[in-house]
Amino acid sequence: MEFEDFKRYVEENCNAKSIFSNKLTTYFNEQVASSDNNVYLSPSQIKSEVKKGWNDALKNLYAKVGSKVKVKKTDSYTITVEKWIAEMGELEILDEFTESLDNMEFE
């Protein structure tokens, strides 16, 4: 399964992106507003950092799932995608990922 298809599947089948985006945006806004920190980010920079963080989180998840999926070189792309989705279901990846993001705290 190619990364972009994986990303689309995750975003369409769980609410992890909204949880992650809300938490990281809140964290950056608090850092900008804090008198203790010298963090200066514009709203567009915050949005960019959140997008980058989401892609990094998905790349890590993609690598984790990819290491568990057994595909053959002779498998068609459709079969490969089906194997990825089956493995994600078996491992409860989407639920686990969403739960871990829900419990995530930034410091």
PDB file of N, CA and C in Angstrom:
ATOM      1  N   MET A   1       0.855  -1.173   0.000  1.00  0.00           N
ATOM      2  CA  MET A   1       0.000   0.000   0.000  1.00  0.00           C
ATOM      3  C   MET A   1       0.898   1.231   0.000  1.00  0.00           C
ATOM      4  N   GLU A   2       0.614   2.129  -0.881  1.00  0.00           N
ATOM      5  CA  GLU A   2       1.405   3.350  -0.943  1.00  0.00           C
ATOM      6  C   GLU A   2       1.005   4.283   0.192  1.00  0.00           C
ATOM      7  N   PHE A   3       1.949   5.128   0.594  1.00  0.00           N
ATOM      8  CA  PHE A   3       1.736   5.993   1.749  1.00  0.00           C
ATOM      9  C   PHE A   3       0.499   6.880   1.592  1.00  0.00           C
ATOM     10  N   GLU A   4       0.309   7.490   0.437  1.00  0.00           N
ATOM     11  CA  GLU A   4      -0.835   8.393   0.252  1.00  0.00           C
ATOM     12  C   GLU A   4      -2.166   7.660   0.410  1.00  0.00           C
ATOM     13  N   ASP A   5      -2.237   6.414  -0.064  1.00  0.00           N
ATOM     14  CA  ASP A   5      -3.458   5.617   0.110  1.00  0.00           C
ATOM     15  C   ASP A   5      -3.658   5.256   1.581  1.00  0.00           C
ATOM     16  N   PHE A   6      -2.565   4.940   2.251  1.00  0.00           N
ATOM     17  CA  PHE A   6      -2.608   4.642   3.682  1.00  0.00           C
ATOM     18  C   PHE A   6      -3.107   5.859   4.462  1.00  0.00           C
ATOM     19  N   LYS A   7      -2.543   7.006   4.152  1.00  0.00           N
ATOM     20  CA  LYS A   7      -2.920   8.254   4.806  1.00  0.00           C
ATOM     21  C   LYS A   7      -4.410   8.534   4.615  1.00  0.00           C
ATOM     22  N   ARG A   8      -4.880   8.404   3.398  1.00  0.00           N
ATOM     23  CA  ARG A   8      -6.290   8.643   3.099  1.00  0.00           C
ATOM     24  C   ARG A   8      -7.179   7.659   3.880  1.00  0.00           C
ATOM     25  N   TYR A   9      -6.768   6.389   3.920  1.00  0.00           N
ATOM     26  CA  TYR A   9      -7.535   5.374   4.640  1.00  0.00           C
ATOM     27  C   TYR A   9      -7.642   5.731   6.132  1.00  0.00           C
ATOM     28  N   VAL A  10      -6.535   6.093   6.738  1.00  0.00           N
ATOM     29  CA  VAL A  10      -6.538   6.442   8.162  1.00  0.00           C
ATOM     30  C   VAL A  10      -7.427   7.661   8.397  1.00  0.00           C
ATOM     31  N   GLU A  11      -7.277   8.683   7.573  1.00  0.00           N
ATOM     32  CA  GLU A  11      -8.043   9.912   7.765  1.00  0.00           C
ATOM     33  C   GLU A  11      -9.541   9.699   7.557  1.00  0.00           C
ATOM     34  N   GLU A  12      -9.910   8.757   6.700  1.00  0.00           N
ATOM     35  CA  GLU A  12     -11.324   8.503   6.428  1.00  0.00           C
ATOM     36  C   GLU A  12     -11.964   7.543   7.424  1.00  0.00           C
ATOM     37  N   ASN A  13     -11.154   6.780   8.151  1.00  0.00           N
ATOM     38  CA  ASN A  13     -11.701   5.714   8.991  1.00  0.00           C
ATOM     39  C   ASN A  13     -11.505   5.893  10.488  1.00  0.00           C
ATOM     40  N   CYS A  14     -10.961   7.017  10.896  1.00  0.00           N
ATOM     41  CA  CYS A  14     -10.876   7.309  12.328  1.00  0.00           C
ATOM     42  C   CYS A  14     -10.733   8.819  12.515  1.00  0.00           C
ATOM     43  N   ASN A  15     -10.905   9.259  13.748  1.00  0.00           N
ATOM     44  CA  ASN A  15     -10.832  10.691  14.016  1.00  0.00           C
ATOM     45  C   ASN A  15      -9.489  11.111  14.609  1.00  0.00           C
ATOM     46  N   ALA A  16      -8.466  10.329  14.374  1.00  0.00           N
ATOM     47  CA  ALA A  16      -7.143  10.606  14.930  1.00  0.00           C
ATOM     48  C   ALA A  16      -6.589  11.950  14.455  1.00  0.00           C
ATOM     49  N   LYS A  17      -6.838  12.302  13.205  1.00  0.00           N
ATOM     50  CA  LYS A  17      -6.284  13.555  12.680  1.00  0.00           C
ATOM     51  C   LYS A  17      -6.832  14.754  13.440  1.00  0.00           C
ATOM     52  N   SER A  18      -8.125  14.772  13.707  1.00  0.00           N
ATOM     53  CA  SER A  18      -8.697  15.917  14.419  1.00  0.00           C
ATOM     54  C   SER A  18      -8.180  15.983  15.858  1.00  0.00           C
ATOM     55  N   ILE A  19      -8.038  14.838  16.500  1.00  0.00           N
ATOM     56  CA  ILE A  19      -7.489  14.808  17.856  1.00  0.00           C
ATOM     57  C   ILE A  19      -6.070  15.353  17.857  1.00  0.00           C
ATOM     58  N   PHE A  20      -5.243  14.836  16.956  1.00  0.00           N
ATOM     59  CA  PHE A  20      -3.842  15.256  16.868  1.00  0.00           C
ATOM     60  C   PHE A  20      -3.747  16.748  16.557  1.00  0.00           C
ATOM     61  N   SER A  21      -4.480  17.186  15.549  1.00  0.00           N
ATOM     62  CA  SER A  21      -4.419  18.593  15.124  1.00  0.00           C
ATOM     63  C   SER A  21      -4.858  19.533  16.242  1.00  0.00           C
ATOM     64  N   ASN A  22      -5.939  19.190  16.916  1.00  0.00           N
ATOM     65  CA  ASN A  22      -6.420  20.038  18.016  1.00  0.00           C
ATOM     66  C   ASN A  22      -5.416  20.122  19.146  1.00  0.00           C
ATOM     67  N   LYS A  23      -4.854  18.991  19.525  1.00  0.00           N
ATOM     68  CA  LYS A  23      -3.898  18.977  20.633  1.00  0.00           C
ATOM     69  C   LYS A  23      -2.622  19.746  20.294  1.00  0.00           C
ATOM     70  N   LEU A  24      -2.090  19.510  19.105  1.00  0.00           N
ATOM     71  CA  LEU A  24      -0.840  20.175  18.739  1.00  0.00           C
ATOM     72  C   LEU A  24      -1.051  21.667  18.501  1.00  0.00           C
ATOM     73  N   THR A  25      -2.170  22.039  17.908  1.00  0.00           N
ATOM     74  CA  THR A  25      -2.476  23.461  17.710  1.00  0.00           C
ATOM     75  C   THR A  25      -2.605  24.159  19.055  1.00  0.00           C
ATOM     76  N   THR A  26      -3.310  23.534  19.999  1.00  0.00           N
ATOM     77  CA  THR A  26      -3.454  24.097  21.341  1.00  0.00           C
ATOM     78  C   THR A  26      -2.095  24.257  22.004  1.00  0.00           C
ATOM     79  N   TYR A  27      -1.258  23.235  21.876  1.00  0.00           N
ATOM     80  CA  TYR A  27       0.083  23.285  22.461  1.00  0.00           C
ATOM     81  C   TYR A  27       0.884  24.458  21.894  1.00  0.00           C
ATOM     82  N   PHE A  28       0.910  24.596  20.576  1.00  0.00           N
ATOM     83  CA  PHE A  28       1.662  25.693  19.961  1.00  0.00           C
ATOM     84  C   PHE A  28       1.091  27.048  20.360  1.00  0.00           C
ATOM     85  N   ASN A  29      -0.222  27.170  20.397  1.00  0.00           N
ATOM     86  CA  ASN A  29      -0.840  28.436  20.806  1.00  0.00           C
ATOM     87  C   ASN A  29      -0.481  28.787  22.243  1.00  0.00           C
ATOM     88  N   GLU A  30      -0.448  27.795  23.113  1.00  0.00           N
ATOM     89  CA  GLU A  30      -0.054  28.030  24.505  1.00  0.00           C
ATOM     90  C   GLU A  30       1.411  28.446  24.590  1.00  0.00           C
ATOM     91  N   GLN A  31       2.250  27.834  23.772  1.00  0.00           N
ATOM     92  CA  GLN A  31       3.661  28.202  23.766  1.00  0.00           C
ATOM     93  C   GLN A  31       3.861  29.642  23.293  1.00  0.00           C
ATOM     94  N   VAL A  32       3.125  30.022  22.280  1.00  0.00           N
ATOM     95  CA  VAL A  32       3.223  31.390  21.754  1.00  0.00           C
ATOM     96  C   VAL A  32       2.727  32.388  22.798  1.00  0.00           C
ATOM     97  N   ALA A  33       1.646  32.051  23.497  1.00  0.00           N
ATOM     98  CA  ALA A  33       1.044  32.959  24.472  1.00  0.00           C
ATOM     99  C   ALA A  33       1.820  33.016  25.790  1.00  0.00           C
ATOM    100  N   SER A  34       2.633  32.012  26.066  1.00  0.00           N
ATOM    101  CA  SER A  34       3.358  31.926  27.328  1.00  0.00           C
ATOM    102  C   SER A  34       4.437  32.997  27.419  1.00  0.00           C
ATOM    103  N   SER A  35       4.539  33.605  28.584  1.00  0.00           N
ATOM    104  CA  SER A  35       5.591  34.605  28.791  1.00  0.00           C
ATOM    105  C   SER A  35       6.935  33.940  29.082  1.00  0.00           C
ATOM    106  N   ASP A  36       6.916  32.643  29.411  1.00  0.00           N
ATOM    107  CA  ASP A  36       8.143  31.915  29.722  1.00  0.00           C
ATOM    108  C   ASP A  36       8.933  31.516  28.481  1.00  0.00           C
ATOM    109  N   ASN A  37       8.244  31.317  27.394  1.00  0.00           N
ATOM    110  CA  ASN A  37       8.904  30.813  26.193  1.00  0.00           C
ATOM    111  C   ASN A  37       9.066  31.913  25.150  1.00  0.00           C
ATOM    112  N   ASN A  38      10.105  31.783  24.386  1.00  0.00           N
ATOM    113  CA  ASN A  38      10.344  32.719  23.294  1.00  0.00           C
ATOM    114  C   ASN A  38       9.978  32.065  21.972  1.00  0.00           C
ATOM    115  N   VAL A  39       8.746  31.566  21.895  1.00  0.00           N
ATOM    116  CA  VAL A  39       8.274  30.904  20.691  1.00  0.00           C
ATOM    117  C   VAL A  39       7.410  31.900  19.928  1.00  0.00           C
ATOM    118  N   TYR A  40       7.818  32.151  18.710  1.00  0.00           N
ATOM    119  CA  TYR A  40       7.067  33.075  17.871  1.00  0.00           C
ATOM    120  C   TYR A  40       6.673  32.363  16.589  1.00  0.00           C
ATOM    121  N   LEU A  41       5.429  31.953  16.532  1.00  0.00           N
ATOM    122  CA  LEU A  41       4.911  31.280  15.349  1.00  0.00           C
ATOM    123  C   LEU A  41       3.633  31.986  14.910  1.00  0.00           C
ATOM    124  N   SER A  42       3.537  32.242  13.625  1.00  0.00           N
ATOM    125  CA  SER A  42       2.311  32.810  13.085  1.00  0.00           C
ATOM    126  C   SER A  42       1.280  31.694  12.954  1.00  0.00           C
ATOM    127  N   PRO A  43       0.009  32.034  12.801  1.00  0.00           N
ATOM    128  CA  PRO A  43      -1.002  30.990  12.599  1.00  0.00           C
ATOM    129  C   PRO A  43      -0.689  30.076  11.410  1.00  0.00           C
ATOM    130  N   SER A  44      -0.146  30.615  10.334  1.00  0.00           N
ATOM    131  CA  SER A  44       0.197  29.767   9.181  1.00  0.00           C
ATOM    132  C   SER A  44       1.381  28.860   9.491  1.00  0.00           C
ATOM    133  N   GLN A  45       2.320  29.328  10.318  1.00  0.00           N
ATOM    134  CA  GLN A  45       3.445  28.482  10.720  1.00  0.00           C
ATOM    135  C   GLN A  45       2.959  27.362  11.635  1.00  0.00           C
ATOM    136  N   ILE A  46       2.032  27.671  12.515  1.00  0.00           N
ATOM    137  CA  ILE A  46       1.466  26.647  13.393  1.00  0.00           C
ATOM    138  C   ILE A  46       0.762  25.595  12.547  1.00  0.00           C
ATOM    139  N   LYS A  47      -0.027  26.035  11.606  1.00  0.00           N
ATOM    140  CA  LYS A  47      -0.740  25.105  10.725  1.00  0.00           C
ATOM    141  C   LYS A  47       0.249  24.206   9.980  1.00  0.00           C
ATOM    142  N   SER A  48       1.340  24.787   9.510  1.00  0.00           N
ATOM    143  CA  SER A  48       2.369  24.028   8.798  1.00  0.00           C
ATOM    144  C   SER A  48       3.045  23.009   9.714  1.00  0.00           C
ATOM    145  N   GLU A  49       3.336  23.404  10.929  1.00  0.00           N
ATOM    146  CA  GLU A  49       3.970  22.496  11.893  1.00  0.00           C
ATOM    147  C   GLU A  49       3.033  21.345  12.270  1.00  0.00           C
ATOM    148  N   VAL A  50       1.765  21.645  12.406  1.00  0.00           N
ATOM    149  CA  VAL A  50       0.779  20.608  12.723  1.00  0.00           C
ATOM    150  C   VAL A  50       0.691  19.619  11.566  1.00  0.00           C
ATOM    151  N   LYS A  51       0.656  20.129  10.356  1.00  0.00           N
ATOM    152  CA  LYS A  51       0.593  19.260   9.170  1.00  0.00           C
ATOM    153  C   LYS A  51       1.837  18.376   9.095  1.00  0.00           C
ATOM    154  N   LYS A  52       2.995  18.960   9.358  1.00  0.00           N
ATOM    155  CA  LYS A  52       4.249  18.208   9.336  1.00  0.00           C
ATOM    156  C   LYS A  52       4.251  17.135  10.432  1.00  0.00           C
ATOM    157  N   GLY A  53       3.779  17.500  11.619  1.00  0.00           N
ATOM    158  CA  GLY A  53       3.712  16.543  12.721  1.00  0.00           C
ATOM    159  C   GLY A  53       2.774  15.390  12.414  1.00  0.00           C
ATOM    160  N   TRP A  54       1.630  15.698  11.782  1.00  0.00           N
ATOM    161  CA  TRP A  54       0.670  14.650  11.410  1.00  0.00           C
ATOM    162  C   TRP A  54       1.296  13.697  10.406  1.00  0.00           C
ATOM    163  N   ASN A  55       1.969  14.235   9.406  1.00  0.00           N
ATOM    164  CA  ASN A  55       2.617  13.378   8.410  1.00  0.00           C
ATOM    165  C   ASN A  55       3.692  12.510   9.039  1.00  0.00           C
ATOM    166  N   ASP A  56       4.452  13.062   9.980  1.00  0.00           N
ATOM    167  CA  ASP A  56       5.479  12.272  10.674  1.00  0.00           C
ATOM    168  C   ASP A  56       4.845  11.142  11.486  1.00  0.00           C
ATOM    169  N   ALA A  57       3.749  11.439  12.176  1.00  0.00           N
ATOM    170  CA  ALA A  57       3.054  10.412  12.956  1.00  0.00           C
ATOM    171  C   ALA A  57       2.544   9.303  12.038  1.00  0.00           C
ATOM    172  N   LEU A  58       2.006   9.691  10.888  1.00  0.00           N
ATOM    173  CA  LEU A  58       1.508   8.693   9.938  1.00  0.00           C
ATOM    174  C   LEU A  58       2.642   7.874   9.331  1.00  0.00           C
ATOM    175  N   LYS A  59       3.777   8.496   9.072  1.00  0.00           N
ATOM    176  CA  LYS A  59       4.918   7.760   8.522  1.00  0.00           C
ATOM    177  C   LYS A  59       5.393   6.697   9.506  1.00  0.00           C
ATOM    178  N   ASN A  60       5.397   7.040  10.796  1.00  0.00           N
ATOM    179  CA  ASN A  60       5.775   6.060  11.817  1.00  0.00           C
ATOM    180  C   ASN A  60       4.770   4.912  11.871  1.00  0.00           C
ATOM    181  N   LEU A  61       3.494   5.238  11.807  1.00  0.00           N
ATOM    182  CA  LEU A  61       2.453   4.212  11.816  1.00  0.00           C
ATOM    183  C   LEU A  61       2.541   3.349  10.562  1.00  0.00           C
ATOM    184  N   TYR A  62       2.784   3.968   9.429  1.00  0.00           N
ATOM    185  CA  TYR A  62       2.920   3.271   8.150  1.00  0.00           C
ATOM    186  C   TYR A  62       4.067   2.255   8.216  1.00  0.00           C
ATOM    187  N   ALA A  63       5.189   2.675   8.783  1.00  0.00           N
ATOM    188  CA  ALA A  63       6.335   1.774   8.918  1.00  0.00           C
ATOM    189  C   ALA A  63       6.008   0.619   9.863  1.00  0.00           C
ATOM    190  N   LYS A  64       5.299   0.910  10.941  1.00  0.00           N
ATOM    191  CA  LYS A  64       4.918  -0.125  11.910  1.00  0.00           C
ATOM    192  C   LYS A  64       4.019  -1.169  11.256  1.00  0.00           C
ATOM    193  N   VAL A  65       3.012  -0.716  10.530  1.00  0.00           N
ATOM    194  CA  VAL A  65       2.098  -1.641   9.867  1.00  0.00           C
ATOM    195  C   VAL A  65       2.824  -2.368   8.740  1.00  0.00           C
ATOM    196  N   GLY A  66       3.627  -1.637   7.974  1.00  0.00           N
ATOM    197  CA  GLY A  66       4.345  -2.232   6.845  1.00  0.00           C
ATOM    198  C   GLY A  66       5.256  -3.375   7.250  1.00  0.00           C
ATOM    199  N   SER A  67       5.796  -3.298   8.456  1.00  0.00           N
ATOM    200  CA  SER A  67       6.675  -4.369   8.925  1.00  0.00           C
ATOM    201  C   SER A  67       5.899  -5.648   9.257  1.00  0.00           C
ATOM    202  N   LYS A  68       4.604  -5.537   9.431  1.00  0.00           N
ATOM    203  CA  LYS A  68       3.779  -6.691   9.802  1.00  0.00           C
ATOM    204  C   LYS A  68       3.028  -7.313   8.622  1.00  0.00           C
ATOM    205  N   VAL A  69       2.849  -6.553   7.551  1.00  0.00           N
ATOM    206  CA  VAL A  69       2.060  -7.030   6.411  1.00  0.00           C
ATOM    207  C   VAL A  69       2.919  -7.924   5.526  1.00  0.00           C
ATOM    208  N   LYS A  70       2.377  -9.071   5.215  1.00  0.00           N
ATOM    209  CA  LYS A  70       3.080 -10.022   4.349  1.00  0.00           C
ATOM    210  C   LYS A  70       2.462  -9.969   2.953  1.00  0.00           C
ATOM    211  N   VAL A  71       3.205  -9.389   2.023  1.00  0.00           N
ATOM    212  CA  VAL A  71       2.728  -9.330   0.631  1.00  0.00           C
ATOM    213  C   VAL A  71       3.762 -10.000  -0.269  1.00  0.00           C
ATOM    214  N   LYS A  72       3.275 -10.457  -1.385  1.00  0.00           N
ATOM    215  CA  LYS A  72       4.147 -11.074  -2.381  1.00  0.00           C
ATOM    216  C   LYS A  72       4.358 -10.093  -3.519  1.00  0.00           C
ATOM    217  N   LYS A  73       5.491 -10.216  -4.167  1.00  0.00           N
ATOM    218  CA  LYS A  73       5.767  -9.353  -5.315  1.00  0.00           C
ATOM    219  C   LYS A  73       4.751  -9.560  -6.431  1.00  0.00           C
ATOM    220  N   THR A  74       4.166 -10.734  -6.458  1.00  0.00           N
ATOM    221  CA  THR A  74       3.199 -11.053  -7.513  1.00  0.00           C
ATOM    222  C   THR A  74       1.783 -10.571  -7.179  1.00  0.00           C
ATOM    223  N   ASP A  75       1.566 -10.091  -5.930  1.00  0.00           N
ATOM    224  CA  ASP A  75       0.245  -9.594  -5.556  1.00  0.00           C
ATOM    225  C   ASP A  75      -0.077  -8.320  -6.330  1.00  0.00           C
ATOM    226  N   SER A  76      -1.311  -8.234  -6.790  1.00  0.00           N
ATOM    227  CA  SER A  76      -1.736  -6.993  -7.440  1.00  0.00           C
ATOM    228  C   SER A  76      -1.853  -5.910  -6.370  1.00  0.00           C
ATOM    229  N   TYR A  77      -1.919  -4.670  -6.818  1.00  0.00           N
ATOM    230  CA  TYR A  77      -2.032  -3.577  -5.851  1.00  0.00           C
ATOM    231  C   TYR A  77      -3.312  -3.712  -5.028  1.00  0.00           C
ATOM    232  N   THR A  78      -4.387  -4.130  -5.645  1.00  0.00           N
ATOM    233  CA  THR A  78      -5.660  -4.316  -4.947  1.00  0.00           C
ATOM    234  C   THR A  78      -5.518  -5.356  -3.836  1.00  0.00           C
ATOM    235  N   ILE A  79      -4.848  -6.461  -4.127  1.00  0.00           N
ATOM    236  CA  ILE A  79      -4.617  -7.509  -3.122  1.00  0.00           C
ATOM    237  C   ILE A  79      -3.728  -6.955  -2.004  1.00  0.00           C
ATOM    238  N   THR A  80      -2.720  -6.209  -2.368  1.00  0.00           N
ATOM    239  CA  THR A  80      -1.819  -5.618  -1.376  1.00  0.00           C
ATOM    240  C   THR A  80      -2.591  -4.712  -0.424  1.00  0.00           C
ATOM    241  N   VAL A  81      -3.442  -3.854  -0.974  1.00  0.00           N
ATOM    242  CA  VAL A  81      -4.249  -2.951  -0.145  1.00  0.00           C
ATOM    243  C   VAL A  81      -5.163  -3.755   0.776  1.00  0.00           C
ATOM    244  N   GLU A  82      -5.778  -4.793   0.243  1.00  0.00           N
ATOM    245  CA  GLU A  82      -6.644  -5.639   1.069  1.00  0.00           C
ATOM    246  C   GLU A  82      -5.863  -6.271   2.222  1.00  0.00           C
ATOM    247  N   LYS A  83      -4.636  -6.698   1.970  1.00  0.00           N
ATOM    248  CA  LYS A  83      -3.803  -7.288   3.024  1.00  0.00           C
ATOM    249  C   LYS A  83      -3.461  -6.248   4.088  1.00  0.00           C
ATOM    250  N   TRP A  84      -3.147  -5.022   3.654  1.00  0.00           N
ATOM    251  CA  TRP A  84      -2.851  -3.946   4.603  1.00  0.00           C
ATOM    252  C   TRP A  84      -4.064  -3.673   5.488  1.00  0.00           C
ATOM    253  N   ILE A  85      -5.230  -3.552   4.867  1.00  0.00           N
ATOM    254  CA  ILE A  85      -6.444  -3.239   5.614  1.00  0.00           C
ATOM    255  C   ILE A  85      -6.790  -4.380   6.577  1.00  0.00           C
ATOM    256  N   ALA A  86      -6.639  -5.604   6.122  1.00  0.00           N
ATOM    257  CA  ALA A  86      -6.893  -6.759   6.988  1.00  0.00           C
ATOM    258  C   ALA A  86      -5.939  -6.756   8.182  1.00  0.00           C
ATOM    259  N   GLU A  87      -4.678  -6.480   7.933  1.00  0.00           N
ATOM    260  CA  GLU A  87      -3.687  -6.458   9.017  1.00  0.00           C
ATOM    261  C   GLU A  87      -3.990  -5.336  10.004  1.00  0.00           C
ATOM    262  N   MET A  88      -4.373  -4.186   9.499  1.00  0.00           N
ATOM    263  CA  MET A  88      -4.716  -3.067  10.383  1.00  0.00           C
ATOM    264  C   MET A  88      -5.927  -3.426  11.242  1.00  0.00           C
ATOM    265  N   GLY A  89      -6.897  -4.122  10.660  1.00  0.00           N
ATOM    266  CA  GLY A  89      -8.063  -4.552  11.418  1.00  0.00           C
ATOM    267  C   GLY A  89      -7.699  -5.562  12.483  1.00  0.00           C
ATOM    268  N   GLU A  90      -6.864  -6.516  12.104  1.00  0.00           N
ATOM    269  CA  GLU A  90      -6.452  -7.558  13.039  1.00  0.00           C
ATOM    270  C   GLU A  90      -5.664  -6.975  14.214  1.00  0.00           C
ATOM    271  N   LEU A  91      -4.802  -6.022  13.928  1.00  0.00           N
ATOM    272  CA  LEU A  91      -3.985  -5.404  14.964  1.00  0.00           C
ATOM    273  C   LEU A  91      -4.716  -4.270  15.693  1.00  0.00           C
ATOM    274  N   GLU A  92      -5.921  -3.946  15.222  1.00  0.00           N
ATOM    275  CA  GLU A  92      -6.694  -2.827  15.764  1.00  0.00           C
ATOM    276  C   GLU A  92      -5.877  -1.536  15.755  1.00  0.00           C
ATOM    277  N   ILE A  93      -5.166  -1.330  14.663  1.00  0.00           N
ATOM    278  CA  ILE A  93      -4.257  -0.201  14.528  1.00  0.00           C
ATOM    279  C   ILE A  93      -4.970   1.137  14.664  1.00  0.00           C
ATOM    280  N   LEU A  94      -6.106   1.301  14.002  1.00  0.00           N
ATOM    281  CA  LEU A  94      -6.784   2.594  14.037  1.00  0.00           C
ATOM    282  C   LEU A  94      -7.264   2.932  15.445  1.00  0.00           C
ATOM    283  N   ASP A  95      -7.820   1.949  16.142  1.00  0.00           N
ATOM    284  CA  ASP A  95      -8.275   2.183  17.515  1.00  0.00           C
ATOM    285  C   ASP A  95      -7.098   2.499  18.429  1.00  0.00           C
ATOM    286  N   GLU A  96      -6.042   1.729  18.296  1.00  0.00           N
ATOM    287  CA  GLU A  96      -4.848   1.923  19.125  1.00  0.00           C
ATOM    288  C   GLU A  96      -4.210   3.290  18.855  1.00  0.00           C
ATOM    289  N   PHE A  97      -4.108   3.652  17.578  1.00  0.00           N
ATOM    290  CA  PHE A  97      -3.516   4.929  17.178  1.00  0.00           C
ATOM    291  C   PHE A  97      -4.351   6.089  17.715  1.00  0.00           C
ATOM    292  N   THR A  98      -5.660   6.004  17.551  1.00  0.00           N
ATOM    293  CA  THR A  98      -6.547   7.067  18.029  1.00  0.00           C
ATOM    294  C   THR A  98      -6.460   7.198  19.544  1.00  0.00           C
ATOM    295  N   GLU A  99      -6.460   6.063  20.228  1.00  0.00           N
ATOM    296  CA  GLU A  99      -6.365   6.086  21.691  1.00  0.00           C
ATOM    297  C   GLU A  99      -5.041   6.680  22.154  1.00  0.00           C
ATOM    298  N   SER A 100      -3.959   6.315  21.493  1.00  0.00           N
ATOM    299  CA  SER A 100      -2.646   6.858  21.902  1.00  0.00           C
ATOM    300  C   SER A 100      -2.593   8.369  21.678  1.00  0.00           C
ATOM    301  N   LEU A 101      -3.211   8.845  20.603  1.00  0.00           N
ATOM    302  CA  LEU A 101      -3.244  10.295  20.365  1.00  0.00           C
ATOM    303  C   LEU A 101      -4.145  10.988  21.371  1.00  0.00           C
ATOM    304  N   ASP A 102      -5.217  10.335  21.747  1.00  0.00           N
ATOM    305  CA  ASP A 102      -6.137  10.906  22.724  1.00  0.00           C
ATOM    306  C   ASP A 102      -5.447  11.055  24.089  1.00  0.00           C
ATOM    307  N   ASN A 103      -4.558  10.134  24.404  1.00  0.00           N
ATOM    308  CA  ASN A 103      -3.831  10.166  25.684  1.00  0.00           C
ATOM    309  C   ASN A 103      -2.537  10.979  25.616  1.00  0.00           C
ATOM    310  N   MET A 104      -2.174  11.433  24.449  1.00  0.00           N
ATOM    311  CA  MET A 104      -0.919  12.151  24.243  1.00  0.00           C
ATOM    312  C   MET A 104      -0.943  13.513  24.941  1.00  0.00           C
ATOM    313  N   GLU A 105       0.193  13.860  25.522  1.00  0.00           N
ATOM    314  CA  GLU A 105       0.353  15.175  26.131  1.00  0.00           C
ATOM    315  C   GLU A 105       1.670  15.766  25.658  1.00  0.00           C
ATOM    316  N   PHE A 106       1.650  17.055  25.363  1.00  0.00           N
ATOM    317  CA  PHE A 106       2.869  17.762  24.962  1.00  0.00           C
ATOM    318  C   PHE A 106       3.404  18.542  26.145  1.00  0.00           C
ATOM    319  N   GLU A 107       4.708  18.579  26.245  1.00  0.00           N
ATOM    320  CA  GLU A 107       5.338  19.330  27.346  1.00  0.00           C
ATOM    321  C   GLU A 107       6.302  20.335  26.790  1.00  0.00           C
TER     322      GLU A 107
END
